[in-house]
PDB file of all heavy atoms in Angstrom:
ATOM      1  N   ASP A   1      91.182 103.074  93.927  1.00  0.00           N
ATOM      2  CA  ASP A   1      91.778 104.370  93.639  1.00  0.00           C
ATOM      3  C   ASP A   1      91.933 105.195  94.916  1.00  0.00           C
ATOM      4  O   ASP A   1      90.933 105.451  95.592  1.00  0.00           O
ATOM      5  CB  ASP A   1      90.911 105.146  92.600  1.00  0.00           C
ATOM      6  CG  ASP A   1      90.869 104.409  91.273  1.00  0.00           C
ATOM      7  OD1 ASP A   1      91.897 104.254  90.608  1.00  0.00           O
ATOM      8  OD2 ASP A   1      89.764 103.978  90.891  1.00  0.00           O
ATOM      9  N   ASP A   2      93.154 105.606  95.206  1.00  0.00           N
ATOM     10  CA  ASP A   2      93.393 106.367  96.445  1.00  0.00           C
ATOM     11  C   ASP A   2      93.326 107.854  96.143  1.00  0.00           C
ATOM     12  O   ASP A   2      94.222 108.441  95.533  1.00  0.00           O
ATOM     13  CB  ASP A   2      94.808 105.988  96.965  1.00  0.00           C
ATOM     14  CG  ASP A   2      95.062 106.669  98.309  1.00  0.00           C
ATOM     15  OD1 ASP A   2      94.168 107.377  98.813  1.00  0.00           O
ATOM     16  OD2 ASP A   2      96.156 106.461  98.852  1.00  0.00           O
ATOM     17  N   LEU A   3      92.202 108.447  96.521  1.00  0.00           N
ATOM     18  CA  LEU A   3      91.987 109.901  96.308  1.00  0.00           C
ATOM     19  C   LEU A   3      92.021 110.633  97.616  1.00  0.00           C
ATOM     20  O   LEU A   3      91.609 111.817  97.684  1.00  0.00           O
ATOM     21  CB  LEU A   3      90.690 110.116  95.587  1.00  0.00           C
ATOM     22  CG  LEU A   3      90.568 109.512  94.181  1.00  0.00           C
ATOM     23  CD1 LEU A   3      89.155 109.759  93.625  1.00  0.00           C
ATOM     24  CD2 LEU A   3      91.593 110.114  93.249  1.00  0.00           C
ATOM     25  N   VAL A   4      92.497 110.001  98.695  1.00  0.00           N
ATOM     26  CA  VAL A   4      92.584 110.679  99.981  1.00  0.00           C
ATOM     27  C   VAL A   4      93.488 111.892  99.862  1.00  0.00           C
ATOM     28  O   VAL A   4      94.636 111.774  99.397  1.00  0.00           O
ATOM     29  CB  VAL A   4      93.134 109.743 101.079  1.00  0.00           C
ATOM     30  CG1 VAL A   4      93.321 110.507 102.395  1.00  0.00           C
ATOM     31  CG2 VAL A   4      92.196 108.563 101.274  1.00  0.00           C
ATOM     32  N   GLY A   5      92.988 113.062 100.256  1.00  0.00           N
ATOM     33  CA  GLY A   5      93.781 114.256 100.219  1.00  0.00           C
ATOM     34  C   GLY A   5      93.880 114.885  98.875  1.00  0.00           C
ATOM     35  O   GLY A   5      94.638 115.851  98.662  1.00  0.00           O
ATOM     36  N   ALA A   6      93.162 114.339  97.863  1.00  0.00           N
ATOM     37  CA  ALA A   6      93.233 114.887  96.488  1.00  0.00           C
ATOM     38  C   ALA A   6      92.688 116.307  96.482  1.00  0.00           C
ATOM     39  O   ALA A   6      91.844 116.693  97.296  1.00  0.00           O
ATOM     40  CB  ALA A   6      92.445 114.010  95.545  1.00  0.00           C
ATOM     41  N   GLU A   7      93.179 117.107  95.585  1.00  0.00           N
ATOM     42  CA  GLU A   7      92.696 118.503  95.451  1.00  0.00           C
ATOM     43  C   GLU A   7      92.198 118.716  94.042  1.00  0.00           C
ATOM     44  O   GLU A   7      92.875 118.407  93.057  1.00  0.00           O
ATOM     45  CB  GLU A   7      93.848 119.442  95.766  1.00  0.00           C
ATOM     46  CG  GLU A   7      93.423 120.915  95.760  1.00  0.00           C
ATOM     47  CD  GLU A   7      94.494 121.872  96.248  1.00  0.00           C
ATOM     48  OE1 GLU A   7      95.534 121.358  96.678  1.00  0.00           O
ATOM     49  OE2 GLU A   7      94.284 123.076  96.155  1.00  0.00           O
ATOM     50  N   PHE A   8      90.952 119.219  93.946  1.00  0.00           N
ATOM     51  CA  PHE A   8      90.356 119.509  92.678  1.00  0.00           C
ATOM     52  C   PHE A   8      90.268 121.005  92.552  1.00  0.00           C
ATOM     53  O   PHE A   8      89.580 121.685  93.340  1.00  0.00           O
ATOM     54  CB  PHE A   8      88.951 118.866  92.569  1.00  0.00           C
ATOM     55  CG  PHE A   8      88.943 117.379  92.728  1.00  0.00           C
ATOM     56  CD1 PHE A   8      88.847 116.780  94.008  1.00  0.00           C
ATOM     57  CD2 PHE A   8      89.051 116.568  91.650  1.00  0.00           C
ATOM     58  CE1 PHE A   8      88.831 115.412  94.139  1.00  0.00           C
ATOM     59  CE2 PHE A   8      89.023 115.199  91.785  1.00  0.00           C
ATOM     60  CZ  PHE A   8      88.913 114.607  93.009  1.00  0.00           C
ATOM     61  N   VAL A   9      90.957 121.585  91.570  1.00  0.00           N
ATOM     62  CA  VAL A   9      90.981 123.051  91.393  1.00  0.00           C
ATOM     63  C   VAL A   9      90.377 123.356  90.046  1.00  0.00           C
ATOM     64  O   VAL A   9      90.851 122.895  88.989  1.00  0.00           O
ATOM     65  CB  VAL A   9      92.414 123.614  91.464  1.00  0.00           C
ATOM     66  CG1 VAL A   9      92.368 125.119  91.292  1.00  0.00           C
ATOM     67  CG2 VAL A   9      93.033 123.235  92.807  1.00  0.00           C
ATOM     68  N   GLU A  10      89.299 124.121  90.040  1.00  0.00           N
ATOM     69  CA  GLU A  10      88.547 124.513  88.829  1.00  0.00           C
ATOM     70  C   GLU A  10      88.215 123.272  87.978  1.00  0.00           C
ATOM     71  O   GLU A  10      88.227 123.294  86.768  1.00  0.00           O
ATOM     72  CB  GLU A  10      89.360 125.500  87.985  1.00  0.00           C
ATOM     73  CG  GLU A  10      89.603 126.815  88.742  1.00  0.00           C
ATOM     74  CD  GLU A  10      90.311 127.874  87.887  1.00  0.00           C
ATOM     75  OE1 GLU A  10      90.634 127.531  86.706  1.00  0.00           O
ATOM     76  OE2 GLU A  10      90.571 128.962  88.398  1.00  0.00           O
ATOM     77  N   ALA A  11      87.949 122.152  88.688  1.00  0.00           N
ATOM     78  CA  ALA A  11      87.594 120.909  88.003  1.00  0.00           C
ATOM     79  C   ALA A  11      86.101 120.908  87.708  1.00  0.00           C
ATOM     80  O   ALA A  11      85.303 121.398  88.482  1.00  0.00           O
ATOM     81  CB  ALA A  11      87.940 119.704  88.861  1.00  0.00           C
ATOM     82  N   ASN A  12      85.773 120.326  86.558  1.00  0.00           N
ATOM     83  CA  ASN A  12      84.356 120.201  86.154  1.00  0.00           C
ATOM     84  C   ASN A  12      83.815 118.858  86.585  1.00  0.00           C
ATOM     85  O   ASN A  12      84.107 117.841  85.926  1.00  0.00           O
ATOM     86  CB  ASN A  12      84.229 120.414  84.643  1.00  0.00           C
ATOM     87  CG  ASN A  12      82.778 120.454  84.197  1.00  0.00           C
ATOM     88  OD1 ASN A  12      81.845 120.255  84.984  1.00  0.00           O
ATOM     89  ND2 ASN A  12      82.566 120.816  82.943  1.00  0.00           N
ATOM     90  N   LEU A  13      83.069 118.845  87.659  1.00  0.00           N
ATOM     91  CA  LEU A  13      82.493 117.576  88.172  1.00  0.00           C
ATOM     92  C   LEU A  13      80.976 117.600  87.937  1.00  0.00           C
ATOM     93  O   LEU A  13      80.252 116.818  88.599  1.00  0.00           O
ATOM     94  CB  LEU A  13      82.785 117.447  89.649  1.00  0.00           C
ATOM     95  CG  LEU A  13      84.282 117.323  90.029  1.00  0.00           C
ATOM     96  CD1 LEU A  13      84.423 117.257  91.526  1.00  0.00           C
ATOM     97  CD2 LEU A  13      84.905 116.097  89.385  1.00  0.00           C
ATOM     98  N   ARG A  14      80.536 118.426  87.003  1.00  0.00           N
ATOM     99  CA  ARG A  14      79.073 118.480  86.762  1.00  0.00           C
ATOM    100  C   ARG A  14      78.539 117.126  86.371  1.00  0.00           C
ATOM    101  O   ARG A  14      79.091 116.463  85.501  1.00  0.00           O
ATOM    102  CB  ARG A  14      78.789 119.492  85.620  1.00  0.00           C
ATOM    103  CG  ARG A  14      77.312 119.661  85.342  1.00  0.00           C
ATOM    104  CD  ARG A  14      77.111 120.728  84.264  1.00  0.00           C
ATOM    105  NE  ARG A  14      77.541 122.040  84.743  1.00  0.00           N
ATOM    106  CZ  ARG A  14      77.475 123.158  83.969  1.00  0.00           C
ATOM    107  NH1 ARG A  14      76.949 123.058  82.758  1.00  0.00           N
ATOM    108  NH2 ARG A  14      77.892 124.308  84.447  1.00  0.00           N
ATOM    109  N   GLY A  15      77.474 116.722  87.079  1.00  0.00           N
ATOM    110  CA  GLY A  15      76.839 115.428  86.793  1.00  0.00           C
ATOM    111  C   GLY A  15      77.567 114.241  87.351  1.00  0.00           C
ATOM    112  O   GLY A  15      77.146 113.105  87.138  1.00  0.00           O
ATOM    113  N   ALA A  16      78.677 114.471  88.078  1.00  0.00           N
ATOM    114  CA  ALA A  16      79.402 113.347  88.692  1.00  0.00           C
ATOM    115  C   ALA A  16      78.481 112.643  89.701  1.00  0.00           C
ATOM    116  O   ALA A  16      77.601 113.261  90.327  1.00  0.00           O
ATOM    117  CB  ALA A  16      80.675 113.832  89.344  1.00  0.00           C
ATOM    118  N   ARG A  17      78.740 111.378  89.965  1.00  0.00           N
ATOM    119  CA  ARG A  17      77.915 110.584  90.881  1.00  0.00           C
ATOM    120  C   ARG A  17      78.860 109.872  91.865  1.00  0.00           C
ATOM    121  O   ARG A  17      79.772 109.174  91.430  1.00  0.00           O
ATOM    122  CB  ARG A  17      77.059 109.571  90.107  1.00  0.00           C
ATOM    123  CG  ARG A  17      76.101 108.801  90.956  1.00  0.00           C
ATOM    124  CD  ARG A  17      75.277 107.854  90.061  1.00  0.00           C
ATOM    125  NE  ARG A  17      74.281 107.132  90.830  1.00  0.00           N
ATOM    126  CZ  ARG A  17      73.051 107.533  91.110  1.00  0.00           C
ATOM    127  NH1 ARG A  17      72.681 108.711  90.704  1.00  0.00           N
ATOM    128  NH2 ARG A  17      72.239 106.780  91.793  1.00  0.00           N
ATOM    129  N   PHE A  18      78.643 110.065  93.140  1.00  0.00           N
ATOM    130  CA  PHE A  18      79.422 109.416  94.185  1.00  0.00           C
ATOM    131  C   PHE A  18      78.502 108.406  94.890  1.00  0.00           C
ATOM    132  O   PHE A  18      77.492 108.783  95.480  1.00  0.00           O
ATOM    133  CB  PHE A  18      79.950 110.429  95.184  1.00  0.00           C
ATOM    134  CG  PHE A  18      80.822 111.494  94.562  1.00  0.00           C
ATOM    135  CD1 PHE A  18      80.291 112.638  93.997  1.00  0.00           C
ATOM    136  CD2 PHE A  18      82.190 111.352  94.559  1.00  0.00           C
ATOM    137  CE1 PHE A  18      81.084 113.631  93.414  1.00  0.00           C
ATOM    138  CE2 PHE A  18      83.042 112.311  93.971  1.00  0.00           C
ATOM    139  CZ  PHE A  18      82.472 113.467  93.408  1.00  0.00           C
ATOM    140  N   VAL A  19      78.888 107.126  94.856  1.00  0.00           N
ATOM    141  CA  VAL A  19      78.047 106.068  95.404  1.00  0.00           C
ATOM    142  C   VAL A  19      78.804 105.392  96.542  1.00  0.00           C
ATOM    143  O   VAL A  19      79.882 104.884  96.311  1.00  0.00           O
ATOM    144  CB  VAL A  19      77.609 105.027  94.354  1.00  0.00           C
ATOM    145  CG1 VAL A  19      76.740 103.954  94.986  1.00  0.00           C
ATOM    146  CG2 VAL A  19      76.891 105.721  93.208  1.00  0.00           C
ATOM    147  N   GLU A  20      78.217 105.367  97.754  1.00  0.00           N
ATOM    148  CA  GLU A  20      78.827 104.722  98.920  1.00  0.00           C
ATOM    149  C   GLU A  20      80.294 105.108  99.053  1.00  0.00           C
ATOM    150  O   GLU A  20      81.171 104.287  99.289  1.00  0.00           O
ATOM    151  CB  GLU A  20      78.680 103.200  98.819  1.00  0.00           C
ATOM    152  CG  GLU A  20      77.221 102.772  98.926  1.00  0.00           C
ATOM    153  CD  GLU A  20      77.010 101.281  98.951  1.00  0.00           C
ATOM    154  OE1 GLU A  20      78.024 100.570  99.197  1.00  0.00           O
ATOM    155  OE2 GLU A  20      75.918 100.821  98.702  1.00  0.00           O
ATOM    156  N   SER A  21      80.581 106.411  98.874  1.00  0.00           N
ATOM    157  CA  SER A  21      81.938 106.924  98.951  1.00  0.00           C
ATOM    158  C   SER A  21      82.188 107.617 100.276  1.00  0.00           C
ATOM    159  O   SER A  21      81.228 108.171 100.877  1.00  0.00           O
ATOM    160  CB  SER A  21      82.209 107.914  97.800  1.00  0.00           C
ATOM    161  OG  SER A  21      82.066 107.248  96.550  1.00  0.00           O
ATOM    162  N   ASP A  22      83.423 107.590 100.742  1.00  0.00           N
ATOM    163  CA  ASP A  22      83.789 108.237 102.003  1.00  0.00           C
ATOM    164  C   ASP A  22      84.172 109.689 101.719  1.00  0.00           C
ATOM    165  O   ASP A  22      85.244 109.923 101.193  1.00  0.00           O
ATOM    166  CB  ASP A  22      84.947 107.495 102.649  1.00  0.00           C
ATOM    167  CG  ASP A  22      85.257 107.996 104.056  1.00  0.00           C
ATOM    168  OD1 ASP A  22      84.781 109.077 104.418  1.00  0.00           O
ATOM    169  OD2 ASP A  22      86.005 107.331 104.809  1.00  0.00           O
ATOM    170  N   LEU A  23      83.292 110.627 102.046  1.00  0.00           N
ATOM    171  CA  LEU A  23      83.534 112.040 101.832  1.00  0.00           C
ATOM    172  C   LEU A  23      83.651 112.798 103.153  1.00  0.00           C
ATOM    173  O   LEU A  23      83.520 114.022 103.205  1.00  0.00           O
ATOM    174  CB  LEU A  23      82.410 112.660 100.970  1.00  0.00           C
ATOM    175  CG  LEU A  23      82.193 112.055  99.592  1.00  0.00           C
ATOM    176  CD1 LEU A  23      81.011 112.713  98.917  1.00  0.00           C
ATOM    177  CD2 LEU A  23      83.428 112.219  98.778  1.00  0.00           C
ATOM    178  N   ARG A  24      83.974 112.083 104.227  1.00  0.00           N
ATOM    179  CA  ARG A  24      84.126 112.719 105.525  1.00  0.00           C
ATOM    180  C   ARG A  24      85.263 113.760 105.494  1.00  0.00           C
ATOM    181  O   ARG A  24      86.335 113.497 105.000  1.00  0.00           O
ATOM    182  CB  ARG A  24      84.456 111.655 106.589  1.00  0.00           C
ATOM    183  CG  ARG A  24      83.264 110.837 106.991  1.00  0.00           C
ATOM    184  CD  ARG A  24      83.685 109.698 107.955  1.00  0.00           C
ATOM    185  NE  ARG A  24      84.590 108.782 107.272  1.00  0.00           N
ATOM    186  CZ  ARG A  24      85.200 107.760 107.905  1.00  0.00           C
ATOM    187  NH1 ARG A  24      84.970 107.543 109.212  1.00  0.00           N
ATOM    188  NH2 ARG A  24      86.007 106.964 107.248  1.00  0.00           N
ATOM    189  N   GLY A  25      84.971 114.942 106.051  1.00  0.00           N
ATOM    190  CA  GLY A  25      85.989 115.959 106.126  1.00  0.00           C
ATOM    191  C   GLY A  25      86.278 116.670 104.826  1.00  0.00           C
ATOM    192  O   GLY A  25      87.204 117.493 104.763  1.00  0.00           O
ATOM    193  N   VAL A  26      85.531 116.390 103.790  1.00  0.00           N
ATOM    194  CA  VAL A  26      85.714 117.066 102.485  1.00  0.00           C
ATOM    195  C   VAL A  26      85.464 118.575 102.645  1.00  0.00           C
ATOM    196  O   VAL A  26      84.497 118.979 103.302  1.00  0.00           O
ATOM    197  CB  VAL A  26      84.800 116.470 101.388  1.00  0.00           C
ATOM    198  CG1 VAL A  26      84.799 117.379 100.175  1.00  0.00           C
ATOM    199  CG2 VAL A  26      85.259 115.071 101.032  1.00  0.00           C
ATOM    200  N   VAL A  27      86.334 119.395 102.124  1.00  0.00           N
ATOM    201  CA  VAL A  27      86.197 120.829 102.189  1.00  0.00           C
ATOM    202  C   VAL A  27      85.951 121.374 100.781  1.00  0.00           C
ATOM    203  O   VAL A  27      86.693 121.075  99.838  1.00  0.00           O
ATOM    204  CB  VAL A  27      87.482 121.507 102.780  1.00  0.00           C
ATOM    205  CG1 VAL A  27      87.317 123.022 102.726  1.00  0.00           C
ATOM    206  CG2 VAL A  27      87.692 121.017 104.214  1.00  0.00           C
ATOM    207  N   MET A  28      84.880 122.136 100.602  1.00  0.00           N
ATOM    208  CA  MET A  28      84.546 122.741  99.306  1.00  0.00           C
ATOM    209  C   MET A  28      84.507 124.216  99.520  1.00  0.00           C
ATOM    210  O   MET A  28      83.825 124.728 100.419  1.00  0.00           O
ATOM    211  CB  MET A  28      83.209 122.228  98.810  1.00  0.00           C
ATOM    212  CG  MET A  28      83.093 120.734  98.655  1.00  0.00           C
ATOM    213  SD  MET A  28      81.502 120.191  97.961  1.00  0.00           S
ATOM    214  CE  MET A  28      81.306 118.602  98.738  1.00  0.00           C
TER     215      MET A  28
END
């Protein structure tokens, strides 16, 4: 799944789990 550059606006990610994922440069 290609989520590079994806934008999450008012998204509910409560309890989400990221395992061995590339989150470099993520802006929150």
